Amino acid sequence: MQLRTFITAAAGTAAAVALATQVFAQPAGGKEKESYETRRTECEWTATTSHGVDTVRLTVKGVCQEPTPGYKLALTHVELPGGDPSTLTLVLTAVAPTGIEPQHVTPTPVEYQQTFVLPKDRVPANVTIFEAAATVQVNAP
């Protein structure tokens, strides 16, 4: 699982992160080997809050540079056991297009919103974003 992290200030901050994803493959001959597919994704992130009477709405927005048009991005909140309560943890999932697409880098937006009720909820000061790992089928010999 790859990690994308940024820290928010009161009004929000932005950061660009580059990452590479490793893919492990087994050739048809049955011998295991490692092959690496590098996917370079750069994203710019912002996190902002808006305050209501007894609520705070946190909005996390990103624009990721995907290799072709048609990618669908989603951010999902996850609770980590023993996690830091001042950090909101999100998983970024990218679904590749199924059809034929032109081969050019395309800015692709993604957004996540969560409302916190005061004083019951604690508004996070940090956001950590993980990129969902790929699932690869295991071929038995």
N, C-alpha and C. Protein backbone atom coordinates (compact mmCIF):
# COMPACT_ATOMS: atom_id res chain seq x y z
N MET A 1 0.85 -1.17 0.00
CA MET A 1 0.00 0.00 0.00
C MET A 1 0.90 1.24 0.00
N GLN A 2 0.68 2.11 -0.93
CA GLN A 2 1.46 3.34 -1.03
C GLN A 2 0.84 4.39 -0.13
N LEU A 3 1.62 5.37 0.27
CA LEU A 3 1.16 6.36 1.23
C LEU A 3 1.28 7.75 0.64
N ARG A 4 0.21 8.51 0.77
CA ARG A 4 0.23 9.93 0.40
C ARG A 4 -0.19 10.68 1.65
N THR A 5 0.63 11.61 2.10
CA THR A 5 0.35 12.31 3.35
C THR A 5 0.44 13.80 3.15
N PHE A 6 -0.41 14.52 3.83
CA PHE A 6 -0.25 15.96 3.93
C PHE A 6 -0.82 16.42 5.24
N ILE A 7 -0.34 17.55 5.73
CA ILE A 7 -0.75 18.09 7.01
C ILE A 7 -1.52 19.37 6.74
N THR A 8 -2.66 19.52 7.40
CA THR A 8 -3.48 20.69 7.17
C THR A 8 -3.23 21.74 8.23
N ALA A 9 -3.30 22.97 7.83
CA ALA A 9 -3.29 24.09 8.76
C ALA A 9 -4.74 24.52 8.93
N ALA A 10 -4.97 25.63 9.58
CA ALA A 10 -6.35 26.07 9.83
C ALA A 10 -7.13 26.24 8.52
N ALA A 11 -6.53 26.86 7.53
CA ALA A 11 -7.24 27.09 6.27
C ALA A 11 -6.91 26.03 5.23
N GLY A 12 -5.96 25.14 5.51
CA GLY A 12 -5.59 24.08 4.57
C GLY A 12 -4.27 24.37 3.88
N THR A 13 -3.60 23.31 3.46
CA THR A 13 -2.34 23.42 2.75
C THR A 13 -2.38 22.49 1.55
N ALA A 14 -1.41 22.62 0.67
CA ALA A 14 -1.33 21.75 -0.49
C ALA A 14 0.04 21.11 -0.57
N ALA A 15 0.11 19.92 -1.12
CA ALA A 15 1.38 19.22 -1.30
C ALA A 15 1.28 18.35 -2.54
N ALA A 16 2.40 18.15 -3.20
CA ALA A 16 2.43 17.25 -4.35
C ALA A 16 3.25 16.03 -3.96
N VAL A 17 2.77 14.87 -4.34
CA VAL A 17 3.43 13.64 -3.96
C VAL A 17 3.56 12.77 -5.20
N ALA A 18 4.74 12.20 -5.39
CA ALA A 18 4.95 11.26 -6.48
C ALA A 18 5.09 9.87 -5.88
N LEU A 19 4.58 8.88 -6.55
CA LEU A 19 4.70 7.53 -6.02
C LEU A 19 4.86 6.54 -7.15
N ALA A 20 5.36 5.38 -6.80
CA ALA A 20 5.50 4.30 -7.77
C ALA A 20 4.82 3.07 -7.18
N THR A 21 4.15 2.30 -8.02
CA THR A 21 3.47 1.11 -7.58
C THR A 21 4.19 -0.10 -8.15
N GLN A 22 4.49 -1.06 -7.28
CA GLN A 22 5.14 -2.28 -7.72
C GLN A 22 4.07 -3.33 -7.99
N VAL A 23 4.22 -4.06 -9.07
CA VAL A 23 3.30 -5.14 -9.40
C VAL A 23 4.14 -6.41 -9.50
N PHE A 24 3.73 -7.46 -8.79
CA PHE A 24 4.45 -8.73 -8.82
C PHE A 24 3.69 -9.67 -9.73
N ALA A 25 4.42 -10.31 -10.63
CA ALA A 25 3.77 -11.17 -11.61
C ALA A 25 4.47 -12.51 -11.65
N GLN A 26 3.74 -13.54 -12.09
CA GLN A 26 4.30 -14.86 -12.27
C GLN A 26 4.15 -15.21 -13.74
N PRO A 27 5.25 -15.54 -14.43
CA PRO A 27 5.15 -15.87 -15.84
C PRO A 27 4.45 -17.23 -16.03
N ALA A 28 4.06 -17.50 -17.28
CA ALA A 28 3.32 -18.71 -17.60
C ALA A 28 4.12 -19.97 -17.29
N GLY A 29 5.46 -19.93 -17.32
CA GLY A 29 6.30 -21.09 -17.06
C GLY A 29 6.25 -21.57 -15.62
N GLY A 30 5.62 -20.85 -14.71
CA GLY A 30 5.49 -21.30 -13.34
C GLY A 30 6.60 -20.79 -12.42
N LYS A 31 7.68 -20.26 -12.96
CA LYS A 31 8.75 -19.72 -12.13
C LYS A 31 8.37 -18.32 -11.69
N GLU A 32 8.56 -18.06 -10.39
CA GLU A 32 8.22 -16.74 -9.88
C GLU A 32 9.29 -15.74 -10.27
N LYS A 33 8.86 -14.57 -10.60
CA LYS A 33 9.79 -13.48 -10.84
C LYS A 33 9.09 -12.18 -10.48
N GLU A 34 9.88 -11.19 -10.18
CA GLU A 34 9.31 -9.88 -9.88
C GLU A 34 9.37 -9.03 -11.13
N SER A 35 8.27 -8.39 -11.42
CA SER A 35 8.30 -7.39 -12.48
C SER A 35 7.74 -6.12 -11.88
N TYR A 36 8.24 -5.01 -12.30
CA TYR A 36 7.83 -3.74 -11.74
C TYR A 36 7.16 -2.90 -12.79
N GLU A 37 6.01 -2.43 -12.46
CA GLU A 37 5.31 -1.49 -13.32
C GLU A 37 5.29 -0.18 -12.54
N THR A 38 5.88 0.83 -13.10
CA THR A 38 5.93 2.10 -12.39
C THR A 38 4.83 3.00 -12.89
N ARG A 39 4.03 3.45 -11.98
CA ARG A 39 2.96 4.38 -12.30
C ARG A 39 3.23 5.64 -11.51
N ARG A 40 3.63 6.66 -12.17
CA ARG A 40 3.95 7.91 -11.51
C ARG A 40 2.68 8.77 -11.48
N THR A 41 2.22 9.06 -10.27
CA THR A 41 1.03 9.87 -10.11
C THR A 41 1.37 11.05 -9.22
N GLU A 42 1.10 12.22 -9.71
CA GLU A 42 1.30 13.41 -8.91
C GLU A 42 -0.06 13.99 -8.59
N CYS A 43 -0.23 14.33 -7.33
CA CYS A 43 -1.50 14.91 -6.89
C CYS A 43 -1.24 16.18 -6.11
N GLU A 44 -2.14 17.12 -6.26
CA GLU A 44 -2.12 18.32 -5.44
C GLU A 44 -3.34 18.25 -4.54
N TRP A 45 -3.13 18.46 -3.24
CA TRP A 45 -4.18 18.29 -2.25
C TRP A 45 -4.45 19.58 -1.50
N THR A 46 -5.70 19.77 -1.12
CA THR A 46 -6.08 20.83 -0.19
C THR A 46 -7.08 20.25 0.80
N ALA A 47 -7.04 20.78 2.01
CA ALA A 47 -8.02 20.40 3.02
C ALA A 47 -8.48 21.69 3.69
N THR A 48 -9.80 21.89 3.70
CA THR A 48 -10.34 23.11 4.28
C THR A 48 -11.49 22.76 5.21
N THR A 49 -11.79 23.68 6.11
CA THR A 49 -12.93 23.50 7.01
C THR A 49 -13.86 24.69 6.87
N SER A 50 -15.16 24.42 7.04
CA SER A 50 -16.15 25.49 7.13
C SER A 50 -16.95 25.22 8.40
N HIS A 51 -17.22 26.30 9.14
CA HIS A 51 -17.82 26.19 10.46
C HIS A 51 -19.28 26.61 10.44
N GLY A 52 -20.13 25.76 11.04
CA GLY A 52 -21.53 26.08 11.25
C GLY A 52 -21.75 26.40 12.72
N VAL A 53 -23.00 26.41 13.15
CA VAL A 53 -23.32 26.72 14.54
C VAL A 53 -22.70 25.69 15.49
N ASP A 54 -22.94 24.41 15.23
CA ASP A 54 -22.37 23.36 16.07
C ASP A 54 -21.73 22.25 15.25
N THR A 55 -21.32 22.58 14.01
CA THR A 55 -20.69 21.60 13.13
C THR A 55 -19.46 22.20 12.46
N VAL A 56 -18.58 21.30 12.03
CA VAL A 56 -17.44 21.68 11.21
C VAL A 56 -17.43 20.71 10.03
N ARG A 57 -17.42 21.26 8.82
CA ARG A 57 -17.37 20.43 7.61
C ARG A 57 -15.94 20.46 7.07
N LEU A 58 -15.32 19.27 6.99
CA LEU A 58 -13.98 19.12 6.44
C LEU A 58 -14.10 18.67 5.00
N THR A 59 -13.42 19.36 4.09
CA THR A 59 -13.42 19.00 2.67
C THR A 59 -11.99 18.77 2.23
N VAL A 60 -11.73 17.58 1.69
CA VAL A 60 -10.42 17.24 1.14
C VAL A 60 -10.59 17.14 -0.36
N LYS A 61 -9.83 17.93 -1.10
CA LYS A 61 -9.89 17.92 -2.56
C LYS A 61 -8.51 17.62 -3.13
N GLY A 62 -8.51 16.90 -4.23
CA GLY A 62 -7.26 16.59 -4.90
C GLY A 62 -7.44 16.60 -6.40
N VAL A 63 -6.36 16.86 -7.09
CA VAL A 63 -6.31 16.72 -8.55
C VAL A 63 -5.09 15.87 -8.84
N CYS A 64 -5.32 14.67 -9.38
CA CYS A 64 -4.24 13.73 -9.67
C CYS A 64 -4.00 13.67 -11.17
N GLN A 65 -2.75 13.57 -11.54
CA GLN A 65 -2.37 13.48 -12.95
C GLN A 65 -2.37 12.00 -13.34
N GLU A 66 -3.43 11.57 -14.00
CA GLU A 66 -3.57 10.17 -14.39
C GLU A 66 -3.05 9.97 -15.82
N PRO A 67 -2.61 8.74 -16.15
CA PRO A 67 -1.95 8.51 -17.45
C PRO A 67 -2.86 8.64 -18.67
N THR A 68 -4.18 8.50 -18.50
CA THR A 68 -5.12 8.66 -19.61
C THR A 68 -6.41 9.26 -19.07
N PRO A 69 -7.27 9.79 -19.93
CA PRO A 69 -8.59 10.21 -19.48
C PRO A 69 -9.42 8.98 -19.06
N GLY A 70 -10.47 9.20 -18.32
CA GLY A 70 -11.39 8.12 -17.98
C GLY A 70 -11.18 7.47 -16.63
N TYR A 71 -10.12 7.83 -15.91
CA TYR A 71 -9.91 7.26 -14.57
C TYR A 71 -10.99 7.78 -13.63
N LYS A 72 -11.50 6.93 -12.75
CA LYS A 72 -12.46 7.31 -11.71
C LYS A 72 -11.75 7.22 -10.37
N LEU A 73 -11.70 8.32 -9.63
CA LEU A 73 -11.03 8.37 -8.33
C LEU A 73 -12.05 8.51 -7.23
N ALA A 74 -11.76 7.89 -6.07
CA ALA A 74 -12.64 8.01 -4.90
C ALA A 74 -11.78 8.00 -3.64
N LEU A 75 -12.18 8.79 -2.65
CA LEU A 75 -11.55 8.80 -1.33
C LEU A 75 -12.54 8.20 -0.34
N THR A 76 -12.06 7.22 0.45
CA THR A 76 -12.89 6.54 1.43
C THR A 76 -12.23 6.62 2.80
N HIS A 77 -13.02 6.95 3.81
CA HIS A 77 -12.52 7.05 5.19
C HIS A 77 -12.33 5.65 5.78
N VAL A 78 -11.20 5.43 6.46
CA VAL A 78 -10.95 4.17 7.16
C VAL A 78 -10.52 4.47 8.59
N GLU A 79 -10.95 3.61 9.51
CA GLU A 79 -10.55 3.70 10.91
C GLU A 79 -9.43 2.70 11.14
N LEU A 80 -8.26 3.17 11.57
CA LEU A 80 -7.16 2.28 11.87
C LEU A 80 -7.14 1.98 13.36
N PRO A 81 -7.00 0.70 13.75
CA PRO A 81 -6.92 0.39 15.17
C PRO A 81 -5.71 1.06 15.79
N GLY A 82 -5.91 1.74 16.88
CA GLY A 82 -4.81 2.43 17.56
C GLY A 82 -4.32 3.65 16.81
N GLY A 83 -5.10 4.14 15.86
CA GLY A 83 -4.70 5.29 15.06
C GLY A 83 -4.75 6.59 15.86
N ASP A 84 -4.05 7.57 15.37
CA ASP A 84 -4.01 8.90 16.00
C ASP A 84 -5.35 9.60 15.78
N PRO A 85 -6.05 9.99 16.85
CA PRO A 85 -7.36 10.63 16.67
C PRO A 85 -7.29 12.00 16.01
N SER A 86 -6.11 12.61 15.97
CA SER A 86 -5.99 13.92 15.32
C SER A 86 -5.70 13.78 13.82
N THR A 87 -5.66 12.53 13.32
CA THR A 87 -5.39 12.28 11.90
C THR A 87 -6.55 11.55 11.25
N LEU A 88 -7.06 12.12 10.16
CA LEU A 88 -8.09 11.48 9.36
C LEU A 88 -7.37 10.63 8.32
N THR A 89 -7.74 9.35 8.23
CA THR A 89 -7.10 8.44 7.29
C THR A 89 -8.06 8.13 6.15
N LEU A 90 -7.59 8.35 4.93
CA LEU A 90 -8.39 8.11 3.73
C LEU A 90 -7.65 7.14 2.81
N VAL A 91 -8.40 6.39 2.03
CA VAL A 91 -7.83 5.51 1.00
C VAL A 91 -8.27 6.05 -0.35
N LEU A 92 -7.29 6.29 -1.22
CA LEU A 92 -7.56 6.73 -2.59
C LEU A 92 -7.63 5.51 -3.48
N THR A 93 -8.75 5.36 -4.19
CA THR A 93 -8.92 4.25 -5.12
C THR A 93 -9.03 4.82 -6.52
N ALA A 94 -8.26 4.24 -7.44
CA ALA A 94 -8.30 4.66 -8.84
C ALA A 94 -8.78 3.48 -9.68
N VAL A 95 -9.83 3.69 -10.46
CA VAL A 95 -10.34 2.66 -11.36
C VAL A 95 -10.00 3.10 -12.78
N ALA A 96 -9.23 2.27 -13.47
CA ALA A 96 -8.80 2.58 -14.83
C ALA A 96 -9.97 2.45 -15.80
N PRO A 97 -9.93 3.21 -16.89
CA PRO A 97 -10.99 3.09 -17.89
C PRO A 97 -10.94 1.72 -18.57
N THR A 98 -12.09 1.24 -19.01
CA THR A 98 -12.13 -0.08 -19.64
C THR A 98 -12.01 -0.01 -21.15
N GLY A 99 -12.27 1.14 -21.72
CA GLY A 99 -12.19 1.29 -23.17
C GLY A 99 -10.85 1.83 -23.62
N ILE A 100 -10.75 2.05 -24.90
CA ILE A 100 -9.54 2.62 -25.47
C ILE A 100 -9.55 4.13 -25.23
N GLU A 101 -8.46 4.63 -24.70
CA GLU A 101 -8.35 6.05 -24.38
C GLU A 101 -7.08 6.62 -25.01
N PRO A 102 -7.07 7.92 -25.32
CA PRO A 102 -5.84 8.54 -25.81
C PRO A 102 -4.76 8.50 -24.73
N GLN A 103 -3.52 8.37 -25.14
CA GLN A 103 -2.41 8.26 -24.19
C GLN A 103 -1.83 9.63 -23.89
N HIS A 104 -2.45 10.33 -22.94
CA HIS A 104 -1.89 11.61 -22.47
C HIS A 104 -2.33 11.82 -21.03
N VAL A 105 -1.47 12.46 -20.29
CA VAL A 105 -1.72 12.70 -18.87
C VAL A 105 -2.91 13.64 -18.73
N THR A 106 -3.82 13.28 -17.82
CA THR A 106 -5.06 14.03 -17.64
C THR A 106 -5.26 14.37 -16.17
N PRO A 107 -5.49 15.65 -15.84
CA PRO A 107 -5.82 16.01 -14.46
C PRO A 107 -7.20 15.46 -14.10
N THR A 108 -7.27 14.71 -12.99
CA THR A 108 -8.52 14.06 -12.58
C THR A 108 -8.85 14.49 -11.15
N PRO A 109 -10.02 15.10 -10.93
CA PRO A 109 -10.36 15.58 -9.59
C PRO A 109 -10.93 14.47 -8.70
N VAL A 110 -10.77 14.65 -7.39
CA VAL A 110 -11.37 13.76 -6.39
C VAL A 110 -11.69 14.61 -5.17
N GLU A 111 -12.77 14.26 -4.46
CA GLU A 111 -13.18 15.05 -3.30
C GLU A 111 -13.78 14.15 -2.22
N TYR A 112 -13.55 14.54 -0.96
CA TYR A 112 -14.13 13.84 0.20
C TYR A 112 -14.63 14.90 1.16
N GLN A 113 -15.83 14.69 1.72
CA GLN A 113 -16.38 15.62 2.72
C GLN A 113 -16.87 14.84 3.91
N GLN A 114 -16.66 15.41 5.09
CA GLN A 114 -17.17 14.82 6.32
C GLN A 114 -17.56 15.95 7.26
N THR A 115 -18.71 15.80 7.92
CA THR A 115 -19.19 16.79 8.87
C THR A 115 -18.98 16.27 10.29
N PHE A 116 -18.40 17.10 11.14
CA PHE A 116 -18.15 16.77 12.53
C PHE A 116 -19.09 17.59 13.40
N VAL A 117 -19.75 16.93 14.36
CA VAL A 117 -20.68 17.60 15.27
C VAL A 117 -19.93 17.96 16.54
N LEU A 118 -19.98 19.23 16.92
CA LEU A 118 -19.28 19.70 18.11
C LEU A 118 -20.22 19.66 19.31
N PRO A 119 -19.79 19.38 20.51
CA PRO A 119 -18.42 19.06 20.92
C PRO A 119 -18.13 17.57 20.90
N LYS A 120 -19.10 16.76 20.44
CA LYS A 120 -18.93 15.30 20.45
C LYS A 120 -17.74 14.84 19.61
N ASP A 121 -17.62 15.33 18.41
CA ASP A 121 -16.56 14.90 17.49
C ASP A 121 -15.33 15.80 17.60
N ARG A 122 -14.20 15.20 17.33
CA ARG A 122 -12.95 15.96 17.30
C ARG A 122 -12.54 16.15 15.84
N VAL A 123 -12.33 17.39 15.45
CA VAL A 123 -11.95 17.70 14.06
C VAL A 123 -10.46 17.40 13.90
N PRO A 124 -10.08 16.59 12.90
CA PRO A 124 -8.68 16.23 12.73
C PRO A 124 -7.83 17.42 12.30
N ALA A 125 -6.55 17.37 12.68
CA ALA A 125 -5.58 18.39 12.29
C ALA A 125 -4.72 17.92 11.12
N ASN A 126 -4.74 16.62 10.84
CA ASN A 126 -3.92 16.04 9.77
C ASN A 126 -4.77 15.10 8.93
N VAL A 127 -4.35 14.90 7.69
CA VAL A 127 -4.99 13.93 6.80
C VAL A 127 -3.89 13.07 6.19
N THR A 128 -4.08 11.75 6.26
CA THR A 128 -3.17 10.80 5.60
C THR A 128 -3.95 10.07 4.54
N ILE A 129 -3.38 9.99 3.33
CA ILE A 129 -4.07 9.34 2.22
C ILE A 129 -3.22 8.16 1.74
N PHE A 130 -3.82 6.96 1.76
CA PHE A 130 -3.18 5.76 1.23
C PHE A 130 -3.73 5.49 -0.15
N GLU A 131 -2.88 5.02 -1.05
CA GLU A 131 -3.37 4.55 -2.34
C GLU A 131 -3.69 3.08 -2.20
N ALA A 132 -4.87 2.66 -2.63
CA ALA A 132 -5.28 1.26 -2.51
C ALA A 132 -4.34 0.38 -3.33
N ALA A 133 -3.93 -0.71 -2.74
CA ALA A 133 -3.04 -1.63 -3.42
C ALA A 133 -3.82 -2.47 -4.43
N ALA A 134 -3.14 -2.89 -5.46
CA ALA A 134 -3.78 -3.74 -6.47
C ALA A 134 -3.87 -5.16 -5.96
N THR A 135 -4.89 -5.89 -6.38
CA THR A 135 -5.04 -7.30 -6.06
C THR A 135 -4.61 -8.10 -7.28
N VAL A 136 -3.71 -9.05 -7.05
CA VAL A 136 -3.19 -9.87 -8.14
C VAL A 136 -3.55 -11.32 -7.84
N GLN A 137 -4.08 -12.01 -8.82
CA GLN A 137 -4.46 -13.42 -8.65
C GLN A 137 -3.21 -14.27 -8.53
N VAL A 138 -3.24 -15.25 -7.60
CA VAL A 138 -2.13 -16.17 -7.40
C VAL A 138 -2.36 -17.37 -8.29
N ASN A 139 -1.38 -17.69 -9.12
CA ASN A 139 -1.47 -18.85 -10.02
C ASN A 139 -0.76 -20.02 -9.36
N ALA A 140 -1.50 -21.09 -9.08
CA ALA A 140 -0.91 -22.28 -8.47
C ALA A 140 -0.18 -23.09 -9.52
N PRO A 141 0.98 -23.70 -9.16
CA PRO A 141 1.74 -24.50 -10.17
C PRO A 141 1.03 -25.78 -10.53
